[in-house]
Amino acid sequence: MISMRRAEAGDIDAVYRLSNDPTVRAMSFATEPIPYNDHVVWFEGKIHDSGTLLLVFCEDNELIAQMRFSDSGEGRAEVGIAVAQAWRHKGLGATLMGMALAELRTHGNYRTVIAKVKKGNEPSNRYFLKCGFSFIRTGVKNGVEYNEYGYQL
């Protein structure tokens, strides 16, 4: 059974390994491997930041995914997600998103969730549409074209 909770200090290494998964790095806007010390600073900042909701999904105490919502102002939260390789393409994505959105509703006064996905990341582009997000526009971030999706809470 999959469980979800807010990330805590003991999750730092599992989230680090997931964040440095080669596919996760390739689909991110910053594709270089993340040095551990940089991850420590980032992770500790995120779990203590009131404008960030960092969630972990586990089965039998094994991290299977993480999802982060970051306050982007004006009642909007930007979402990022990473799923462990063994759990990809198993049809769990919409369930994980539903669990996370329910938690986000208790976290702040957000009206909209935004996702920015690299144009070439077809699985994630399809994923957000399947989860009920609507295409908003295209854009460029760090020289990379992306599709922006929105979800009204």
N, C-alpha and C. Protein backbone atom coordinates (compact mmCIF):
# COMPACT_ATOMS: atom_id res chain seq x y z
N MET A 1 0.84 -1.19 0.00
CA MET A 1 0.00 0.00 0.00
C MET A 1 0.88 1.25 0.00
N ILE A 2 0.57 2.19 -0.85
CA ILE A 2 1.35 3.42 -0.96
C ILE A 2 0.90 4.41 0.10
N SER A 3 1.88 4.98 0.77
CA SER A 3 1.59 6.03 1.76
C SER A 3 2.25 7.32 1.30
N MET A 4 1.72 8.43 1.80
CA MET A 4 2.26 9.75 1.46
C MET A 4 2.41 10.53 2.75
N ARG A 5 3.48 11.28 2.84
CA ARG A 5 3.69 12.16 3.99
C ARG A 5 4.61 13.30 3.59
N ARG A 6 4.67 14.29 4.46
CA ARG A 6 5.63 15.37 4.24
C ARG A 6 7.04 14.84 4.45
N ALA A 7 7.96 15.31 3.64
CA ALA A 7 9.35 14.88 3.77
C ALA A 7 9.91 15.35 5.11
N GLU A 8 10.81 14.57 5.63
CA GLU A 8 11.47 14.91 6.89
C GLU A 8 12.96 14.65 6.75
N ALA A 9 13.73 15.06 7.74
CA ALA A 9 15.19 15.00 7.66
C ALA A 9 15.71 13.62 7.25
N GLY A 10 15.10 12.55 7.73
CA GLY A 10 15.56 11.20 7.42
C GLY A 10 15.39 10.80 5.96
N ASP A 11 14.69 11.59 5.17
CA ASP A 11 14.47 11.28 3.75
C ASP A 11 15.57 11.83 2.85
N ILE A 12 16.51 12.56 3.43
CA ILE A 12 17.47 13.31 2.61
C ILE A 12 18.23 12.44 1.62
N ASP A 13 18.70 11.27 2.04
CA ASP A 13 19.50 10.44 1.13
C ASP A 13 18.65 9.78 0.05
N ALA A 14 17.46 9.31 0.40
CA ALA A 14 16.59 8.69 -0.59
C ALA A 14 16.17 9.70 -1.65
N VAL A 15 15.85 10.92 -1.23
CA VAL A 15 15.47 11.97 -2.19
C VAL A 15 16.68 12.34 -3.04
N TYR A 16 17.87 12.36 -2.45
CA TYR A 16 19.09 12.63 -3.20
C TYR A 16 19.29 11.60 -4.31
N ARG A 17 19.16 10.32 -3.96
CA ARG A 17 19.34 9.26 -4.98
C ARG A 17 18.31 9.41 -6.09
N LEU A 18 17.06 9.66 -5.73
CA LEU A 18 16.02 9.83 -6.74
C LEU A 18 16.29 11.05 -7.62
N SER A 19 16.70 12.14 -7.00
CA SER A 19 16.96 13.38 -7.75
C SER A 19 18.11 13.22 -8.73
N ASN A 20 19.05 12.32 -8.44
CA ASN A 20 20.19 12.11 -9.33
C ASN A 20 20.01 10.92 -10.27
N ASP A 21 18.83 10.32 -10.29
CA ASP A 21 18.53 9.28 -11.26
C ASP A 21 18.77 9.87 -12.65
N PRO A 22 19.44 9.15 -13.54
CA PRO A 22 19.77 9.71 -14.86
C PRO A 22 18.55 10.22 -15.65
N THR A 23 17.44 9.52 -15.59
CA THR A 23 16.24 9.97 -16.31
C THR A 23 15.67 11.23 -15.67
N VAL A 24 15.66 11.29 -14.36
CA VAL A 24 15.17 12.49 -13.66
C VAL A 24 16.04 13.68 -14.04
N ARG A 25 17.36 13.50 -14.05
CA ARG A 25 18.25 14.61 -14.41
C ARG A 25 17.99 15.02 -15.87
N ALA A 26 17.85 14.06 -16.76
CA ALA A 26 17.66 14.38 -18.18
C ALA A 26 16.38 15.16 -18.41
N MET A 27 15.34 14.92 -17.64
CA MET A 27 14.05 15.60 -17.83
C MET A 27 13.95 16.90 -17.04
N SER A 28 14.96 17.20 -16.22
CA SER A 28 14.97 18.43 -15.44
C SER A 28 15.53 19.58 -16.27
N PHE A 29 15.27 20.79 -15.83
CA PHE A 29 15.81 21.96 -16.53
C PHE A 29 17.30 22.11 -16.25
N ALA A 30 17.76 21.63 -15.10
CA ALA A 30 19.19 21.59 -14.78
C ALA A 30 19.59 20.12 -14.84
N THR A 31 20.32 19.73 -15.88
CA THR A 31 20.56 18.32 -16.16
C THR A 31 21.81 17.75 -15.50
N GLU A 32 22.67 18.58 -14.97
CA GLU A 32 23.90 18.10 -14.35
C GLU A 32 23.60 17.36 -13.05
N PRO A 33 24.39 16.33 -12.72
CA PRO A 33 24.22 15.66 -11.42
C PRO A 33 24.34 16.69 -10.28
N ILE A 34 23.61 16.44 -9.22
CA ILE A 34 23.57 17.36 -8.08
C ILE A 34 24.60 16.92 -7.06
N PRO A 35 25.56 17.78 -6.72
CA PRO A 35 26.51 17.43 -5.66
C PRO A 35 25.77 17.27 -4.32
N TYR A 36 26.21 16.31 -3.52
CA TYR A 36 25.52 16.01 -2.27
C TYR A 36 25.40 17.23 -1.36
N ASN A 37 26.48 17.99 -1.21
CA ASN A 37 26.43 19.16 -0.32
C ASN A 37 25.40 20.19 -0.79
N ASP A 38 25.25 20.36 -2.10
CA ASP A 38 24.23 21.26 -2.64
C ASP A 38 22.83 20.73 -2.32
N HIS A 39 22.68 19.41 -2.44
CA HIS A 39 21.39 18.78 -2.13
C HIS A 39 21.03 18.99 -0.65
N VAL A 40 21.99 18.83 0.24
CA VAL A 40 21.74 19.00 1.67
C VAL A 40 21.20 20.40 1.95
N VAL A 41 21.84 21.41 1.39
CA VAL A 41 21.40 22.80 1.59
C VAL A 41 19.99 22.98 1.03
N TRP A 42 19.76 22.49 -0.19
CA TRP A 42 18.45 22.61 -0.83
C TRP A 42 17.38 21.90 -0.01
N PHE A 43 17.64 20.64 0.34
CA PHE A 43 16.65 19.81 1.03
C PHE A 43 16.28 20.42 2.39
N GLU A 44 17.28 20.77 3.17
CA GLU A 44 17.00 21.35 4.48
C GLU A 44 16.23 22.65 4.36
N GLY A 45 16.54 23.44 3.35
CA GLY A 45 15.79 24.66 3.11
C GLY A 45 14.34 24.38 2.76
N LYS A 46 14.11 23.38 1.91
CA LYS A 46 12.75 23.08 1.46
C LYS A 46 11.88 22.52 2.58
N ILE A 47 12.41 21.64 3.43
CA ILE A 47 11.56 21.06 4.46
C ILE A 47 11.21 22.06 5.56
N HIS A 48 11.95 23.17 5.61
CA HIS A 48 11.67 24.19 6.62
C HIS A 48 11.02 25.44 6.02
N ASP A 49 10.78 25.45 4.73
CA ASP A 49 10.21 26.61 4.04
C ASP A 49 8.68 26.52 4.04
N SER A 50 8.03 27.52 4.61
CA SER A 50 6.56 27.50 4.67
C SER A 50 5.92 27.64 3.28
N GLY A 51 6.68 28.08 2.29
CA GLY A 51 6.17 28.21 0.93
C GLY A 51 6.41 26.98 0.08
N THR A 52 6.90 25.91 0.69
CA THR A 52 7.16 24.67 -0.04
C THR A 52 6.49 23.51 0.68
N LEU A 53 5.86 22.66 -0.10
CA LEU A 53 5.31 21.41 0.40
C LEU A 53 6.04 20.29 -0.32
N LEU A 54 6.92 19.60 0.40
CA LEU A 54 7.70 18.52 -0.18
C LEU A 54 7.14 17.21 0.36
N LEU A 55 6.59 16.41 -0.55
CA LEU A 55 5.93 15.16 -0.17
C LEU A 55 6.73 13.97 -0.67
N VAL A 56 6.70 12.89 0.10
CA VAL A 56 7.31 11.64 -0.33
C VAL A 56 6.24 10.56 -0.32
N PHE A 57 6.34 9.66 -1.28
CA PHE A 57 5.44 8.54 -1.42
C PHE A 57 6.27 7.28 -1.22
N CYS A 58 5.79 6.39 -0.37
CA CYS A 58 6.55 5.19 -0.03
C CYS A 58 5.67 3.96 -0.09
N GLU A 59 6.32 2.83 -0.32
CA GLU A 59 5.68 1.54 -0.14
C GLU A 59 6.68 0.68 0.63
N ASP A 60 6.24 0.15 1.75
CA ASP A 60 7.12 -0.64 2.62
C ASP A 60 8.41 0.12 2.94
N ASN A 61 8.27 1.39 3.29
CA ASN A 61 9.39 2.27 3.65
C ASN A 61 10.38 2.53 2.52
N GLU A 62 10.03 2.18 1.30
CA GLU A 62 10.87 2.46 0.13
C GLU A 62 10.31 3.68 -0.58
N LEU A 63 11.16 4.66 -0.85
CA LEU A 63 10.73 5.86 -1.58
C LEU A 63 10.42 5.47 -3.02
N ILE A 64 9.19 5.78 -3.44
CA ILE A 64 8.83 5.49 -4.83
C ILE A 64 8.65 6.76 -5.64
N ALA A 65 8.42 7.89 -4.95
CA ALA A 65 8.26 9.17 -5.66
C ALA A 65 8.37 10.31 -4.67
N GLN A 66 8.67 11.48 -5.21
CA GLN A 66 8.60 12.70 -4.42
C GLN A 66 7.90 13.75 -5.27
N MET A 67 7.17 14.63 -4.61
CA MET A 67 6.47 15.71 -5.30
C MET A 67 6.65 16.97 -4.48
N ARG A 68 6.99 18.06 -5.18
CA ARG A 68 7.23 19.33 -4.50
C ARG A 68 6.32 20.40 -5.09
N PHE A 69 5.67 21.13 -4.19
CA PHE A 69 4.87 22.29 -4.57
C PHE A 69 5.57 23.52 -3.99
N SER A 70 5.89 24.48 -4.84
CA SER A 70 6.56 25.70 -4.40
C SER A 70 5.67 26.90 -4.70
N ASP A 71 5.52 27.75 -3.71
CA ASP A 71 4.72 28.96 -3.86
C ASP A 71 5.33 29.83 -4.95
N SER A 72 4.55 30.15 -5.97
CA SER A 72 5.05 31.02 -7.04
C SER A 72 4.29 32.34 -7.08
N GLY A 73 3.58 32.65 -5.99
CA GLY A 73 2.89 33.93 -5.87
C GLY A 73 1.50 33.92 -6.48
N GLU A 74 0.70 34.90 -6.10
CA GLU A 74 -0.63 35.11 -6.66
C GLU A 74 -1.53 33.88 -6.57
N GLY A 75 -1.41 33.12 -5.46
CA GLY A 75 -2.26 31.95 -5.26
C GLY A 75 -1.89 30.76 -6.12
N ARG A 76 -0.65 30.74 -6.62
CA ARG A 76 -0.21 29.65 -7.48
C ARG A 76 0.91 28.86 -6.81
N ALA A 77 0.92 27.56 -7.05
CA ALA A 77 2.00 26.69 -6.61
C ALA A 77 2.53 25.96 -7.84
N GLU A 78 3.84 25.90 -7.97
CA GLU A 78 4.45 25.17 -9.08
C GLU A 78 4.82 23.77 -8.59
N VAL A 79 4.50 22.76 -9.38
CA VAL A 79 4.73 21.38 -8.99
C VAL A 79 5.91 20.79 -9.75
N GLY A 80 6.65 19.95 -9.04
CA GLY A 80 7.69 19.13 -9.64
C GLY A 80 7.55 17.73 -9.10
N ILE A 81 7.80 16.73 -9.92
CA ILE A 81 7.61 15.34 -9.50
C ILE A 81 8.75 14.49 -10.03
N ALA A 82 9.15 13.50 -9.23
CA ALA A 82 10.12 12.50 -9.67
C ALA A 82 9.64 11.15 -9.17
N VAL A 83 9.67 10.17 -10.04
CA VAL A 83 9.21 8.82 -9.71
C VAL A 83 10.40 7.87 -9.90
N ALA A 84 10.60 6.98 -8.94
CA ALA A 84 11.68 5.99 -9.01
C ALA A 84 11.48 5.10 -10.23
N GLN A 85 12.58 4.70 -10.83
CA GLN A 85 12.54 3.95 -12.08
C GLN A 85 11.64 2.71 -11.99
N ALA A 86 11.72 1.97 -10.93
CA ALA A 86 10.94 0.73 -10.81
C ALA A 86 9.44 0.99 -10.76
N TRP A 87 9.03 2.24 -10.52
CA TRP A 87 7.61 2.57 -10.37
C TRP A 87 7.05 3.35 -11.54
N ARG A 88 7.87 3.63 -12.53
CA ARG A 88 7.39 4.36 -13.70
C ARG A 88 6.55 3.46 -14.59
N HIS A 89 5.61 4.06 -15.29
CA HIS A 89 4.77 3.36 -16.29
C HIS A 89 3.92 2.25 -15.66
N LYS A 90 3.49 2.46 -14.43
CA LYS A 90 2.64 1.48 -13.74
C LYS A 90 1.23 2.02 -13.52
N GLY A 91 0.93 3.20 -14.07
CA GLY A 91 -0.40 3.76 -13.95
C GLY A 91 -0.71 4.37 -12.58
N LEU A 92 0.33 4.69 -11.81
CA LEU A 92 0.13 5.25 -10.47
C LEU A 92 0.09 6.78 -10.45
N GLY A 93 0.49 7.40 -11.53
CA GLY A 93 0.67 8.84 -11.55
C GLY A 93 -0.54 9.64 -11.12
N ALA A 94 -1.71 9.32 -11.65
CA ALA A 94 -2.91 10.08 -11.31
C ALA A 94 -3.28 9.89 -9.84
N THR A 95 -3.06 8.69 -9.32
CA THR A 95 -3.33 8.44 -7.90
C THR A 95 -2.41 9.29 -7.03
N LEU A 96 -1.11 9.31 -7.36
CA LEU A 96 -0.16 10.11 -6.58
C LEU A 96 -0.52 11.59 -6.64
N MET A 97 -0.87 12.08 -7.82
CA MET A 97 -1.23 13.49 -7.96
C MET A 97 -2.49 13.80 -7.15
N GLY A 98 -3.48 12.92 -7.19
CA GLY A 98 -4.70 13.13 -6.41
C GLY A 98 -4.41 13.22 -4.93
N MET A 99 -3.56 12.34 -4.42
CA MET A 99 -3.19 12.37 -3.00
C MET A 99 -2.48 13.69 -2.67
N ALA A 100 -1.57 14.10 -3.55
CA ALA A 100 -0.78 15.31 -3.31
C ALA A 100 -1.65 16.56 -3.36
N LEU A 101 -2.57 16.63 -4.32
CA LEU A 101 -3.43 17.81 -4.43
C LEU A 101 -4.34 17.92 -3.21
N ALA A 102 -4.81 16.79 -2.68
CA ALA A 102 -5.63 16.83 -1.46
C ALA A 102 -4.82 17.41 -0.31
N GLU A 103 -3.55 17.05 -0.21
CA GLU A 103 -2.69 17.60 0.86
C GLU A 103 -2.41 19.07 0.61
N LEU A 104 -2.18 19.45 -0.64
CA LEU A 104 -1.91 20.85 -0.95
C LEU A 104 -3.08 21.74 -0.54
N ARG A 105 -4.29 21.26 -0.70
CA ARG A 105 -5.47 22.05 -0.32
C ARG A 105 -5.46 22.40 1.16
N THR A 106 -4.79 21.62 1.99
CA THR A 106 -4.72 21.90 3.43
C THR A 106 -3.49 22.73 3.79
N HIS A 107 -2.63 22.98 2.82
CA HIS A 107 -1.34 23.61 3.08
C HIS A 107 -1.35 25.14 2.93
N GLY A 108 -2.21 25.67 2.11
CA GLY A 108 -2.19 27.10 1.87
C GLY A 108 -3.42 27.53 1.10
N ASN A 109 -3.41 28.77 0.68
CA ASN A 109 -4.54 29.33 -0.06
C ASN A 109 -4.25 29.35 -1.56
N TYR A 110 -3.93 28.20 -2.10
CA TYR A 110 -3.62 28.11 -3.51
C TYR A 110 -4.89 27.91 -4.32
N ARG A 111 -4.93 28.56 -5.47
CA ARG A 111 -6.06 28.41 -6.39
C ARG A 111 -5.66 27.64 -7.64
N THR A 112 -4.37 27.69 -7.97
CA THR A 112 -3.89 27.10 -9.22
C THR A 112 -2.57 26.38 -8.97
N VAL A 113 -2.42 25.24 -9.63
CA VAL A 113 -1.14 24.52 -9.64
C VAL A 113 -0.59 24.61 -11.06
N ILE A 114 0.67 24.95 -11.16
CA ILE A 114 1.35 25.12 -12.45
C ILE A 114 2.41 24.03 -12.59
N ALA A 115 2.52 23.46 -13.78
CA ALA A 115 3.58 22.50 -14.11
C ALA A 115 4.27 22.99 -15.37
N LYS A 116 5.60 23.00 -15.34
CA LYS A 116 6.40 23.34 -16.51
C LYS A 116 7.17 22.10 -16.91
N VAL A 117 6.93 21.63 -18.15
CA VAL A 117 7.48 20.36 -18.62
C VAL A 117 8.24 20.59 -19.91
N LYS A 118 9.47 20.07 -19.97
CA LYS A 118 10.24 20.17 -21.20
C LYS A 118 9.43 19.61 -22.37
N LYS A 119 9.51 20.30 -23.50
CA LYS A 119 8.74 19.86 -24.67
C LYS A 119 9.05 18.43 -25.06
N GLY A 120 10.28 18.00 -24.93
CA GLY A 120 10.65 16.64 -25.34
C GLY A 120 10.30 15.56 -24.33
N ASN A 121 9.77 15.92 -23.20
CA ASN A 121 9.44 14.95 -22.16
C ASN A 121 7.99 14.50 -22.35
N GLU A 122 7.76 13.68 -23.36
CA GLU A 122 6.40 13.28 -23.71
C GLU A 122 5.66 12.54 -22.59
N PRO A 123 6.32 11.63 -21.86
CA PRO A 123 5.58 10.98 -20.76
C PRO A 123 5.02 11.98 -19.75
N SER A 124 5.80 12.98 -19.38
CA SER A 124 5.32 13.97 -18.40
C SER A 124 4.28 14.90 -19.01
N ASN A 125 4.43 15.25 -20.29
CA ASN A 125 3.41 16.07 -20.93
C ASN A 125 2.07 15.34 -20.93
N ARG A 126 2.08 14.05 -21.25
CA ARG A 126 0.84 13.26 -21.22
C ARG A 126 0.33 13.10 -19.79
N TYR A 127 1.25 12.92 -18.85
CA TYR A 127 0.88 12.72 -17.45
C TYR A 127 0.04 13.88 -16.91
N PHE A 128 0.50 15.11 -17.13
CA PHE A 128 -0.24 16.24 -16.58
C PHE A 128 -1.61 16.40 -17.22
N LEU A 129 -1.71 16.12 -18.51
CA LEU A 129 -3.03 16.16 -19.16
C LEU A 129 -3.94 15.08 -18.57
N LYS A 130 -3.39 13.89 -18.36
CA LYS A 130 -4.18 12.79 -17.77
C LYS A 130 -4.65 13.14 -16.36
N CYS A 131 -3.86 13.93 -15.64
CA CYS A 131 -4.21 14.31 -14.27
C CYS A 131 -5.17 15.50 -14.21
N GLY A 132 -5.66 15.95 -15.36
CA GLY A 132 -6.65 17.02 -15.38
C GLY A 132 -6.08 18.41 -15.53
N PHE A 133 -4.79 18.52 -15.79
CA PHE A 133 -4.18 19.83 -16.05
C PHE A 133 -4.53 20.25 -17.47
N SER A 134 -4.59 21.55 -17.70
CA SER A 134 -4.87 22.10 -19.03
C SER A 134 -3.64 22.82 -19.56
N PHE A 135 -3.40 22.66 -20.85
CA PHE A 135 -2.29 23.38 -21.48
C PHE A 135 -2.55 24.88 -21.40
N ILE A 136 -1.53 25.64 -20.99
CA ILE A 136 -1.66 27.10 -20.90
C ILE A 136 -0.86 27.78 -22.02
N ARG A 137 0.43 27.45 -22.09
CA ARG A 137 1.29 28.14 -23.06
C ARG A 137 2.62 27.42 -23.16
N THR A 138 3.44 27.87 -24.12
CA THR A 138 4.82 27.43 -24.20
C THR A 138 5.70 28.54 -23.65
N GLY A 139 6.89 28.20 -23.27
CA GLY A 139 7.83 29.18 -22.75
C GLY A 139 9.25 28.66 -22.90
N VAL A 140 10.20 29.45 -22.40
CA VAL A 140 11.60 29.07 -22.42
C VAL A 140 12.18 29.31 -21.04
N LYS A 141 12.86 28.30 -20.50
CA LYS A 141 13.50 28.39 -19.18
C LYS A 141 14.90 27.82 -19.32
N ASN A 142 15.91 28.58 -18.93
CA ASN A 142 17.31 28.15 -19.04
C ASN A 142 17.64 27.72 -20.47
N GLY A 143 17.03 28.40 -21.45
CA GLY A 143 17.28 28.08 -22.85
C GLY A 143 16.55 26.84 -23.35
N VAL A 144 15.64 26.30 -22.54
CA VAL A 144 14.93 25.07 -22.90
C VAL A 144 13.45 25.38 -23.07
N GLU A 145 12.88 24.93 -24.19
CA GLU A 145 11.44 25.13 -24.41
C GLU A 145 10.63 24.20 -23.50
N TYR A 146 9.52 24.73 -23.00
CA TYR A 146 8.65 23.91 -22.16
C TYR A 146 7.19 24.21 -22.44
N ASN A 147 6.35 23.28 -22.03
CA ASN A 147 4.90 23.47 -22.04
C ASN A 147 4.48 23.77 -20.61
N GLU A 148 3.60 24.72 -20.45
CA GLU A 148 3.08 25.04 -19.11
C GLU A 148 1.63 24.57 -19.03
N TYR A 149 1.34 23.88 -17.93
CA TYR A 149 0.01 23.36 -17.66
C TYR A 149 -0.51 23.96 -16.37
N GLY A 150 -1.83 24.05 -16.26
CA GLY A 150 -2.45 24.58 -15.05
C GLY A 150 -3.57 23.69 -14.58
N TYR A 151 -3.78 23.68 -13.26
CA TYR A 151 -4.86 22.91 -12.65
C TYR A 151 -5.53 23.83 -11.63
N GLN A 152 -6.84 23.97 -11.75
CA GLN A 152 -7.59 24.81 -10.82
C GLN A 152 -8.03 23.98 -9.63
N LEU A 153 -7.63 24.42 -8.45
CA LEU A 153 -8.01 23.69 -7.22
C LEU A 153 -9.44 23.98 -6.84
